[in-house]
Amino acid sequence: MYWSYPYVMGMDANVSQRRQERRFSEDLMQANVGRRITVFLTYDGSQQWRDVTFSGVLRQVGRDYFMIREQNSGRDMMFLNINLDYVVFEDQPARLADA
């Protein structure tokens, strides 16, 4: 043979066929759509928007964003997960994501 293999010929690669379960923040938030939350966000590049807080009803969750309807103004607001510090679930304990 004129090429190299990443492992010795005849040796099993020990590849697991079992799917590893991973949980992400968007899975937890998706399980809590419709609940009242307070979000704490940080925008590093801005002095005016450095640390902000919004309260409202969680409306939609995507892979890298979430949307709430702000309780004070009634506006729908979309935020990026990268700016999210933490979430407080106001009315009830948070539902955990389905296994």
PDB file of N, CA and C in Angstrom:
ATOM      1  N   MET A   1       0.837  -1.181   0.000  1.00  0.00           N
ATOM      2  CA  MET A   1       0.000   0.000   0.000  1.00  0.00           C
ATOM      3  C   MET A   1       0.878   1.239   0.000  1.00  0.00           C
ATOM      4  N   TYR A   2       0.437   2.228  -0.710  1.00  0.00           N
ATOM      5  CA  TYR A   2       1.243   3.425  -0.881  1.00  0.00           C
ATOM      6  C   TYR A   2       0.702   4.624  -0.108  1.00  0.00           C
ATOM      7  N   TRP A   3      -0.344   4.452   0.641  1.00  0.00           N
ATOM      8  CA  TRP A   3      -0.890   5.547   1.438  1.00  0.00           C
ATOM      9  C   TRP A   3      -0.965   5.110   2.888  1.00  0.00           C
ATOM     10  N   SER A   4      -1.061   6.066   3.766  1.00  0.00           N
ATOM     11  CA  SER A   4      -1.099   5.733   5.199  1.00  0.00           C
ATOM     12  C   SER A   4      -2.535   5.803   5.708  1.00  0.00           C
ATOM     13  N   TYR A   5      -2.813   5.000   6.700  1.00  0.00           N
ATOM     14  CA  TYR A   5      -4.113   4.993   7.344  1.00  0.00           C
ATOM     15  C   TYR A   5      -4.000   5.707   8.684  1.00  0.00           C
ATOM     16  N   PRO A   6      -5.079   6.319   9.159  1.00  0.00           N
ATOM     17  CA  PRO A   6      -5.019   6.978  10.467  1.00  0.00           C
ATOM     18  C   PRO A   6      -4.985   5.980  11.625  1.00  0.00           C
ATOM     19  N   TYR A   7      -5.170   4.705  11.335  1.00  0.00           N
ATOM     20  CA  TYR A   7      -5.101   3.664  12.358  1.00  0.00           C
ATOM     21  C   TYR A   7      -4.487   2.415  11.728  1.00  0.00           C
ATOM     22  N   VAL A   8      -4.045   1.532  12.558  1.00  0.00           N
ATOM     23  CA  VAL A   8      -3.396   0.314  12.079  1.00  0.00           C
ATOM     24  C   VAL A   8      -4.431  -0.592  11.431  1.00  0.00           C
ATOM     25  N   MET A   9      -4.069  -1.193  10.317  1.00  0.00           N
ATOM     26  CA  MET A   9      -4.985  -2.097   9.621  1.00  0.00           C
ATOM     27  C   MET A   9      -5.391  -3.249  10.534  1.00  0.00           C
ATOM     28  N   GLY A  10      -6.649  -3.581  10.534  1.00  0.00           N
ATOM     29  CA  GLY A  10      -7.137  -4.684  11.336  1.00  0.00           C
ATOM     30  C   GLY A  10      -7.555  -4.270  12.736  1.00  0.00           C
ATOM     31  N   MET A  11      -7.206  -3.082  13.163  1.00  0.00           N
ATOM     32  CA  MET A  11      -7.586  -2.617  14.497  1.00  0.00           C
ATOM     33  C   MET A  11      -8.962  -1.951  14.417  1.00  0.00           C
ATOM     34  N   ASP A  12      -9.860  -2.307  15.322  1.00  0.00           N
ATOM     35  CA  ASP A  12     -11.179  -1.685  15.342  1.00  0.00           C
ATOM     36  C   ASP A  12     -11.050  -0.215  15.706  1.00  0.00           C
ATOM     37  N   ALA A  13     -11.878   0.602  15.111  1.00  0.00           N
ATOM     38  CA  ALA A  13     -11.819   2.043  15.347  1.00  0.00           C
ATOM     39  C   ALA A  13     -12.550   2.451  16.621  1.00  0.00           C
ATOM     40  N   ASN A  14     -13.249   1.527  17.271  1.00  0.00           N
ATOM     41  CA  ASN A  14     -14.002   1.813  18.503  1.00  0.00           C
ATOM     42  C   ASN A  14     -14.986   2.966  18.328  1.00  0.00           C
ATOM     43  N   VAL A  15     -15.756   2.900  17.273  1.00  0.00           N
ATOM     44  CA  VAL A  15     -16.756   3.927  17.012  1.00  0.00           C
ATOM     45  C   VAL A  15     -18.038   3.539  17.722  1.00  0.00           C
ATOM     46  N   SER A  16     -18.548   4.435  18.525  1.00  0.00           N
ATOM     47  CA  SER A  16     -19.773   4.162  19.269  1.00  0.00           C
ATOM     48  C   SER A  16     -20.984   4.439  18.391  1.00  0.00           C
ATOM     49  N   GLN A  17     -21.925   3.526  18.379  1.00  0.00           N
ATOM     50  CA  GLN A  17     -23.151   3.709  17.623  1.00  0.00           C
ATOM     51  C   GLN A  17     -24.233   4.381  18.454  1.00  0.00           C
ATOM     52  N   ARG A  18     -23.986   4.541  19.740  1.00  0.00           N
ATOM     53  CA  ARG A  18     -24.970   5.145  20.631  1.00  0.00           C
ATOM     54  C   ARG A  18     -24.944   6.662  20.472  1.00  0.00           C
ATOM     55  N   ARG A  19     -26.100   7.264  20.303  1.00  0.00           N
ATOM     56  CA  ARG A  19     -26.213   8.713  20.161  1.00  0.00           C
ATOM     57  C   ARG A  19     -26.017   9.358  21.521  1.00  0.00           C
ATOM     58  N   GLN A  20     -25.137  10.321  21.588  1.00  0.00           N
ATOM     59  CA  GLN A  20     -24.925  11.027  22.844  1.00  0.00           C
ATOM     60  C   GLN A  20     -25.942  12.150  22.953  1.00  0.00           C
ATOM     61  N   GLU A  21     -26.628  12.184  24.072  1.00  0.00           N
ATOM     62  CA  GLU A  21     -27.648  13.197  24.304  1.00  0.00           C
ATOM     63  C   GLU A  21     -26.995  14.477  24.801  1.00  0.00           C
ATOM     64  N   ARG A  22     -27.284  15.580  24.119  1.00  0.00           N
ATOM     65  CA  ARG A  22     -26.756  16.872  24.527  1.00  0.00           C
ATOM     66  C   ARG A  22     -27.918  17.832  24.683  1.00  0.00           C
ATOM     67  N   ARG A  23     -27.824  18.674  25.664  1.00  0.00           N
ATOM     68  CA  ARG A  23     -28.867  19.668  25.907  1.00  0.00           C
ATOM     69  C   ARG A  23     -28.269  21.055  25.761  1.00  0.00           C
ATOM     70  N   PHE A  24     -29.059  21.953  25.213  1.00  0.00           N
ATOM     71  CA  PHE A  24     -28.620  23.314  24.986  1.00  0.00           C
ATOM     72  C   PHE A  24     -29.621  24.278  25.598  1.00  0.00           C
ATOM     73  N   SER A  25     -29.204  25.524  25.769  1.00  0.00           N
ATOM     74  CA  SER A  25     -30.079  26.521  26.385  1.00  0.00           C
ATOM     75  C   SER A  25     -31.352  26.724  25.571  1.00  0.00           C
ATOM     76  N   GLU A  26     -31.260  26.638  24.239  1.00  0.00           N
ATOM     77  CA  GLU A  26     -32.464  26.845  23.439  1.00  0.00           C
ATOM     78  C   GLU A  26     -33.472  25.717  23.634  1.00  0.00           C
ATOM     79  N   ASP A  27     -33.012  24.508  23.996  1.00  0.00           N
ATOM     80  CA  ASP A  27     -33.936  23.412  24.294  1.00  0.00           C
ATOM     81  C   ASP A  27     -34.746  23.723  25.549  1.00  0.00           C
ATOM     82  N   LEU A  28     -34.082  24.243  26.554  1.00  0.00           N
ATOM     83  CA  LEU A  28     -34.764  24.626  27.789  1.00  0.00           C
ATOM     84  C   LEU A  28     -35.743  25.766  27.534  1.00  0.00           C
ATOM     85  N   MET A  29     -35.315  26.769  26.781  1.00  0.00           N
ATOM     86  CA  MET A  29     -36.200  27.901  26.498  1.00  0.00           C
ATOM     87  C   MET A  29     -37.380  27.479  25.632  1.00  0.00           C
ATOM     88  N   GLN A  30     -37.159  26.580  24.675  1.00  0.00           N
ATOM     89  CA  GLN A  30     -38.247  26.105  23.816  1.00  0.00           C
ATOM     90  C   GLN A  30     -39.333  25.414  24.639  1.00  0.00           C
ATOM     91  N   ALA A  31     -38.945  24.703  25.672  1.00  0.00           N
ATOM     92  CA  ALA A  31     -39.912  24.020  26.534  1.00  0.00           C
ATOM     93  C   ALA A  31     -40.713  25.001  27.379  1.00  0.00           C
ATOM     94  N   ASN A  32     -40.302  26.276  27.411  1.00  0.00           N
ATOM     95  CA  ASN A  32     -40.959  27.275  28.253  1.00  0.00           C
ATOM     96  C   ASN A  32     -41.584  28.417  27.462  1.00  0.00           C
ATOM     97  N   VAL A  33     -41.859  28.202  26.182  1.00  0.00           N
ATOM     98  CA  VAL A  33     -42.540  29.218  25.375  1.00  0.00           C
ATOM     99  C   VAL A  33     -43.913  29.484  25.981  1.00  0.00           C
ATOM    100  N   GLY A  34     -44.278  30.760  26.088  1.00  0.00           N
ATOM    101  CA  GLY A  34     -45.556  31.151  26.677  1.00  0.00           C
ATOM    102  C   GLY A  34     -45.450  31.558  28.136  1.00  0.00           C
ATOM    103  N   ARG A  35     -44.300  31.397  28.723  1.00  0.00           N
ATOM    104  CA  ARG A  35     -44.093  31.759  30.132  1.00  0.00           C
ATOM    105  C   ARG A  35     -43.526  33.169  30.245  1.00  0.00           C
ATOM    106  N   ARG A  36     -43.798  33.795  31.394  1.00  0.00           N
ATOM    107  CA  ARG A  36     -43.275  35.138  31.661  1.00  0.00           C
ATOM    108  C   ARG A  36     -41.849  35.014  32.186  1.00  0.00           C
ATOM    109  N   ILE A  37     -40.936  35.754  31.553  1.00  0.00           N
ATOM    110  CA  ILE A  37     -39.524  35.690  31.919  1.00  0.00           C
ATOM    111  C   ILE A  37     -38.939  37.094  32.032  1.00  0.00           C
ATOM    112  N   THR A  38     -37.823  37.190  32.703  1.00  0.00           N
ATOM    113  CA  THR A  38     -36.989  38.388  32.696  1.00  0.00           C
ATOM    114  C   THR A  38     -35.634  37.963  32.173  1.00  0.00           C
ATOM    115  N   VAL A  39     -35.139  38.693  31.158  1.00  0.00           N
ATOM    116  CA  VAL A  39     -33.841  38.368  30.567  1.00  0.00           C
ATOM    117  C   VAL A  39     -32.843  39.466  30.897  1.00  0.00           C
ATOM    118  N   PHE A  40     -31.631  39.059  31.179  1.00  0.00           N
ATOM    119  CA  PHE A  40     -30.534  39.970  31.490  1.00  0.00           C
ATOM    120  C   PHE A  40     -29.502  39.824  30.376  1.00  0.00           C
ATOM    121  N   LEU A  41     -29.227  40.936  29.702  1.00  0.00           N
ATOM    122  CA  LEU A  41     -28.364  40.923  28.525  1.00  0.00           C
ATOM    123  C   LEU A  41     -27.195  41.881  28.701  1.00  0.00           C
ATOM    124  N   THR A  42     -26.087  41.585  28.034  1.00  0.00           N
ATOM    125  CA  THR A  42     -24.920  42.462  28.035  1.00  0.00           C
ATOM    126  C   THR A  42     -24.473  42.688  26.599  1.00  0.00           C
ATOM    127  N   TYR A  43     -24.285  43.964  26.257  1.00  0.00           N
ATOM    128  CA  TYR A  43     -23.747  44.358  24.956  1.00  0.00           C
ATOM    129  C   TYR A  43     -22.410  45.035  25.211  1.00  0.00           C
ATOM    130  N   ASP A  44     -21.312  44.342  24.950  1.00  0.00           N
ATOM    131  CA  ASP A  44     -19.980  44.821  25.304  1.00  0.00           C
ATOM    132  C   ASP A  44     -19.568  46.091  24.578  1.00  0.00           C
ATOM    133  N   GLY A  45     -19.949  46.262  23.333  1.00  0.00           N
ATOM    134  CA  GLY A  45     -19.467  47.387  22.540  1.00  0.00           C
ATOM    135  C   GLY A  45     -20.232  48.678  22.726  1.00  0.00           C
ATOM    136  N   SER A  46     -21.218  48.729  23.599  1.00  0.00           N
ATOM    137  CA  SER A  46     -22.064  49.912  23.736  1.00  0.00           C
ATOM    138  C   SER A  46     -22.097  50.396  25.176  1.00  0.00           C
ATOM    139  N   GLN A  47     -21.971  51.692  25.367  1.00  0.00           N
ATOM    140  CA  GLN A  47     -22.101  52.260  26.708  1.00  0.00           C
ATOM    141  C   GLN A  47     -23.575  52.432  27.086  1.00  0.00           C
ATOM    142  N   GLN A  48     -24.404  52.825  26.126  1.00  0.00           N
ATOM    143  CA  GLN A  48     -25.830  53.041  26.383  1.00  0.00           C
ATOM    144  C   GLN A  48     -26.555  51.723  26.669  1.00  0.00           C
ATOM    145  N   TRP A  49     -26.213  50.664  25.953  1.00  0.00           N
ATOM    146  CA  TRP A  49     -26.885  49.377  26.075  1.00  0.00           C
ATOM    147  C   TRP A  49     -26.006  48.350  26.778  1.00  0.00           C
ATOM    148  N   ARG A  50     -25.092  48.776  27.611  1.00  0.00           N
ATOM    149  CA  ARG A  50     -24.114  47.870  28.238  1.00  0.00           C
ATOM    150  C   ARG A  50     -24.794  46.698  28.950  1.00  0.00           C
ATOM    151  N   ASP A  51     -25.601  46.982  29.957  1.00  0.00           N
ATOM    152  CA  ASP A  51     -26.335  45.955  30.711  1.00  0.00           C
ATOM    153  C   ASP A  51     -27.808  46.330  30.703  1.00  0.00           C
ATOM    154  N   VAL A  52     -28.642  45.480  30.120  1.00  0.00           N
ATOM    155  CA  VAL A  52     -30.072  45.774  30.021  1.00  0.00           C
ATOM    156  C   VAL A  52     -30.893  44.587  30.506  1.00  0.00           C
ATOM    157  N   THR A  53     -32.113  44.886  30.914  1.00  0.00           N
ATOM    158  CA  THR A  53     -33.052  43.882  31.407  1.00  0.00           C
ATOM    159  C   THR A  53     -34.394  44.097  30.722  1.00  0.00           C
ATOM    160  N   PHE A  54     -35.019  43.023  30.276  1.00  0.00           N
ATOM    161  CA  PHE A  54     -36.348  43.082  29.685  1.00  0.00           C
ATOM    162  C   PHE A  54     -37.207  41.996  30.311  1.00  0.00           C
ATOM    163  N   SER A  55     -38.485  42.318  30.521  1.00  0.00           N
ATOM    164  CA  SER A  55     -39.452  41.345  31.038  1.00  0.00           C
ATOM    165  C   SER A  55     -40.573  41.198  30.036  1.00  0.00           C
ATOM    166  N   GLY A  56     -41.064  39.987  29.904  1.00  0.00           N
ATOM    167  CA  GLY A  56     -42.162  39.746  28.994  1.00  0.00           C
ATOM    168  C   GLY A  56     -42.440  38.264  28.858  1.00  0.00           C
ATOM    169  N   VAL A  57     -43.271  37.952  27.877  1.00  0.00           N
ATOM    170  CA  VAL A  57     -43.665  36.568  27.615  1.00  0.00           C
ATOM    171  C   VAL A  57     -42.776  36.009  26.508  1.00  0.00           C
ATOM    172  N   LEU A  58     -42.198  34.859  26.754  1.00  0.00           N
ATOM    173  CA  LEU A  58     -41.355  34.198  25.760  1.00  0.00           C
ATOM    174  C   LEU A  58     -42.235  33.728  24.611  1.00  0.00           C
ATOM    175  N   ARG A  59     -41.966  34.226  23.404  1.00  0.00           N
ATOM    176  CA  ARG A  59     -42.828  33.948  22.260  1.00  0.00           C
ATOM    177  C   ARG A  59     -42.273  32.879  21.325  1.00  0.00           C
ATOM    178  N   GLN A  60     -40.979  32.964  21.041  1.00  0.00           N
ATOM    179  CA  GLN A  60     -40.392  32.046  20.068  1.00  0.00           C
ATOM    180  C   GLN A  60     -38.916  31.865  20.393  1.00  0.00           C
ATOM    181  N   VAL A  61     -38.399  30.678  20.069  1.00  0.00           N
ATOM    182  CA  VAL A  61     -36.991  30.373  20.322  1.00  0.00           C
ATOM    183  C   VAL A  61     -36.405  29.727  19.075  1.00  0.00           C
ATOM    184  N   GLY A  62     -35.252  30.229  18.670  1.00  0.00           N
ATOM    185  CA  GLY A  62     -34.525  29.647  17.545  1.00  0.00           C
ATOM    186  C   GLY A  62     -33.185  29.127  18.021  1.00  0.00           C
ATOM    187  N   ARG A  63     -32.372  28.743  17.076  1.00  0.00           N
ATOM    188  CA  ARG A  63     -31.069  28.183  17.434  1.00  0.00           C
ATOM    189  C   ARG A  63     -30.159  29.219  18.080  1.00  0.00           C
ATOM    190  N   ASP A  64     -30.206  30.463  17.601  1.00  0.00           N
ATOM    191  CA  ASP A  64     -29.311  31.488  18.133  1.00  0.00           C
ATOM    192  C   ASP A  64     -30.038  32.757  18.563  1.00  0.00           C
ATOM    193  N   TYR A  65     -31.353  32.706  18.667  1.00  0.00           N
ATOM    194  CA  TYR A  65     -32.129  33.880  19.070  1.00  0.00           C
ATOM    195  C   TYR A  65     -33.336  33.449  19.884  1.00  0.00           C
ATOM    196  N   PHE A  66     -33.964  34.439  20.516  1.00  0.00           N
ATOM    197  CA  PHE A  66     -35.255  34.223  21.163  1.00  0.00           C
ATOM    198  C   PHE A  66     -36.047  35.517  21.068  1.00  0.00           C
ATOM    199  N   MET A  67     -37.365  35.401  21.172  1.00  0.00           N
ATOM    200  CA  MET A  67     -38.239  36.557  21.038  1.00  0.00           C
ATOM    201  C   MET A  67     -39.166  36.624  22.242  1.00  0.00           C
ATOM    202  N   ILE A  68     -39.303  37.830  22.797  1.00  0.00           N
ATOM    203  CA  ILE A  68     -40.256  38.034  23.884  1.00  0.00           C
ATOM    204  C   ILE A  68     -41.196  39.171  23.514  1.00  0.00           C
ATOM    205  N   ARG A  69     -42.383  39.150  24.089  1.00  0.00           N
ATOM    206  CA  ARG A  69     -43.290  40.292  24.000  1.00  0.00           C
ATOM    207  C   ARG A  69     -43.137  41.047  25.305  1.00  0.00           C
ATOM    208  N   GLU A  70     -42.564  42.251  25.215  1.00  0.00           N
ATOM    209  CA  GLU A  70     -42.276  43.051  26.396  1.00  0.00           C
ATOM    210  C   GLU A  70     -43.574  43.465  27.073  1.00  0.00           C
ATOM    211  N   GLN A  71     -43.624  43.308  28.395  1.00  0.00           N
ATOM    212  CA  GLN A  71     -44.867  43.560  29.118  1.00  0.00           C
ATOM    213  C   GLN A  71     -45.192  45.044  29.220  1.00  0.00           C
ATOM    214  N   ASN A  72     -44.205  45.925  29.248  1.00  0.00           N
ATOM    215  CA  ASN A  72     -44.482  47.359  29.389  1.00  0.00           C
ATOM    216  C   ASN A  72     -45.019  47.983  28.116  1.00  0.00           C
ATOM    217  N   SER A  73     -44.446  47.661  26.970  1.00  0.00           N
ATOM    218  CA  SER A  73     -44.827  48.309  25.715  1.00  0.00           C
ATOM    219  C   SER A  73     -45.691  47.432  24.813  1.00  0.00           C
ATOM    220  N   GLY A  74     -45.698  46.134  25.022  1.00  0.00           N
ATOM    221  CA  GLY A  74     -46.433  45.229  24.148  1.00  0.00           C
ATOM    222  C   GLY A  74     -45.706  44.923  22.849  1.00  0.00           C
ATOM    223  N   ARG A  75     -44.473  45.388  22.711  1.00  0.00           N
ATOM    224  CA  ARG A  75     -43.692  45.149  21.494  1.00  0.00           C
ATOM    225  C   ARG A  75     -43.051  43.769  21.531  1.00  0.00           C
ATOM    226  N   ASP A  76     -42.966  43.146  20.361  1.00  0.00           N
ATOM    227  CA  ASP A  76     -42.187  41.916  20.234  1.00  0.00           C
ATOM    228  C   ASP A  76     -40.737  42.314  20.010  1.00  0.00           C
ATOM    229  N   MET A  77     -39.846  41.695  20.774  1.00  0.00           N
ATOM    230  CA  MET A  77     -38.430  42.022  20.677  1.00  0.00           C
ATOM    231  C   MET A  77     -37.635  40.735  20.500  1.00  0.00           C
ATOM    232  N   MET A  78     -36.685  40.760  19.549  1.00  0.00           N
ATOM    233  CA  MET A  78     -35.842  39.598  19.290  1.00  0.00           C
ATOM    234  C   MET A  78     -34.434  39.888  19.794  1.00  0.00           C
ATOM    235  N   PHE A  79     -33.847  38.905  20.479  1.00  0.00           N
ATOM    236  CA  PHE A  79     -32.506  39.043  21.034  1.00  0.00           C
ATOM    237  C   PHE A  79     -31.654  37.861  20.591  1.00  0.00           C
ATOM    238  N   LEU A  80     -30.357  38.087  20.517  1.00  0.00           N
ATOM    239  CA  LEU A  80     -29.429  37.011  20.183  1.00  0.00           C
ATOM    240  C   LEU A  80     -28.948  36.329  21.454  1.00  0.00           C
ATOM    241  N   ASN A  81     -28.817  35.018  21.405  1.00  0.00           N
ATOM    242  CA  ASN A  81     -28.361  34.248  22.570  1.00  0.00           C
ATOM    243  C   ASN A  81     -26.963  34.643  23.016  1.00  0.00           C
ATOM    244  N   ILE A  82     -26.144  35.142  22.107  1.00  0.00           N
ATOM    245  CA  ILE A  82     -24.771  35.484  22.454  1.00  0.00           C
ATOM    246  C   ILE A  82     -24.716  36.621  23.478  1.00  0.00           C
ATOM    247  N   ASN A  83     -25.762  37.468  23.518  1.00  0.00           N
ATOM    248  CA  ASN A  83     -25.810  38.576  24.469  1.00  0.00           C
ATOM    249  C   ASN A  83     -26.500  38.210  25.774  1.00  0.00           C
ATOM    250  N   LEU A  84     -27.063  37.025  25.868  1.00  0.00           N
ATOM    251  CA  LEU A  84     -27.835  36.606  27.037  1.00  0.00           C
ATOM    252  C   LEU A  84     -26.921  36.203  28.190  1.00  0.00           C
ATOM    253  N   ASP A  85     -27.137  36.833  29.354  1.00  0.00           N
ATOM    254  CA  ASP A  85     -26.403  36.450  30.565  1.00  0.00           C
ATOM    255  C   ASP A  85     -27.164  35.362  31.308  1.00  0.00           C
ATOM    256  N   TYR A  86     -28.428  35.661  31.649  1.00  0.00           N
ATOM    257  CA  TYR A  86     -29.258  34.648  32.297  1.00  0.00           C
ATOM    258  C   TYR A  86     -30.727  35.011  32.194  1.00  0.00           C
ATOM    259  N   VAL A  87     -31.587  34.030  32.509  1.00  0.00           N
ATOM    260  CA  VAL A  87     -33.043  34.159  32.414  1.00  0.00           C
ATOM    261  C   VAL A  87     -33.642  33.823  33.764  1.00  0.00           C
ATOM    262  N   VAL A  88     -34.633  34.619  34.185  1.00  0.00           N
ATOM    263  CA  VAL A  88     -35.401  34.323  35.394  1.00  0.00           C
ATOM    264  C   VAL A  88     -36.819  33.991  34.946  1.00  0.00           C
ATOM    265  N   PHE A  89     -37.314  32.814  35.333  1.00  0.00           N
ATOM    266  CA  PHE A  89     -38.680  32.407  35.030  1.00  0.00           C
ATOM    267  C   PHE A  89     -39.556  32.913  36.165  1.00  0.00           C
ATOM    268  N   GLU A  90     -40.472  33.830  35.862  1.00  0.00           N
ATOM    269  CA  GLU A  90     -41.171  34.608  36.878  1.00  0.00           C
ATOM    270  C   GLU A  90     -42.285  33.858  37.609  1.00  0.00           C
ATOM    271  N   ASP A  91     -43.241  33.313  36.895  1.00  0.00           N
ATOM    272  CA  ASP A  91     -44.464  32.810  37.524  1.00  0.00           C
ATOM    273  C   ASP A  91     -44.328  31.416  38.122  1.00  0.00           C
ATOM    274  N   GLN A  92     -43.708  30.520  37.394  1.00  0.00           N
ATOM    275  CA  GLN A  92     -43.636  29.117  37.788  1.00  0.00           C
ATOM    276  C   GLN A  92     -42.221  28.612  37.567  1.00  0.00           C
ATOM    277  N   PRO A  93     -41.884  27.495  38.166  1.00  0.00           N
ATOM    278  CA  PRO A  93     -40.574  26.896  37.872  1.00  0.00           C
ATOM    279  C   PRO A  93     -40.468  26.551  36.385  1.00  0.00           C
ATOM    280  N   ALA A  94     -39.282  26.612  35.862  1.00  0.00           N
ATOM    281  CA  ALA A  94     -39.057  26.306  34.450  1.00  0.00           C
ATOM    282  C   ALA A  94     -39.315  24.834  34.173  1.00  0.00           C
ATOM    283  N   ARG A  95     -39.907  24.563  33.004  1.00  0.00           N
ATOM    284  CA  ARG A  95     -40.048  23.187  32.540  1.00  0.00           C
ATOM    285  C   ARG A  95     -38.712  22.762  31.955  1.00  0.00           C
ATOM    286  N   LEU A  96     -38.280  21.584  32.300  1.00  0.00           N
ATOM    287  CA  LEU A  96     -37.036  21.077  31.733  1.00  0.00           C
ATOM    288  C   LEU A  96     -37.291  20.556  30.333  1.00  0.00           C
ATOM    289  N   ALA A  97     -36.283  20.617  29.497  1.00  0.00           N
ATOM    290  CA  ALA A  97     -36.412  20.126  28.131  1.00  0.00           C
ATOM    291  C   ALA A  97     -36.682  18.628  28.155  1.00  0.00           C
ATOM    292  N   ASP A  98     -37.480  18.164  27.195  1.00  0.00           N
ATOM    293  CA  ASP A  98     -37.794  16.730  27.111  1.00  0.00           C
ATOM    294  C   ASP A  98     -36.534  15.944  26.808  1.00  0.00           C
ATOM    295  N   ALA A  99     -36.464  14.779  27.410  1.00  0.00           N
ATOM    296  CA  ALA A  99     -35.279  13.924  27.193  1.00  0.00           C
ATOM    297  C   ALA A  99     -35.374  13.200  25.882  1.00  0.00           C
TER     298      ALA A  99
END
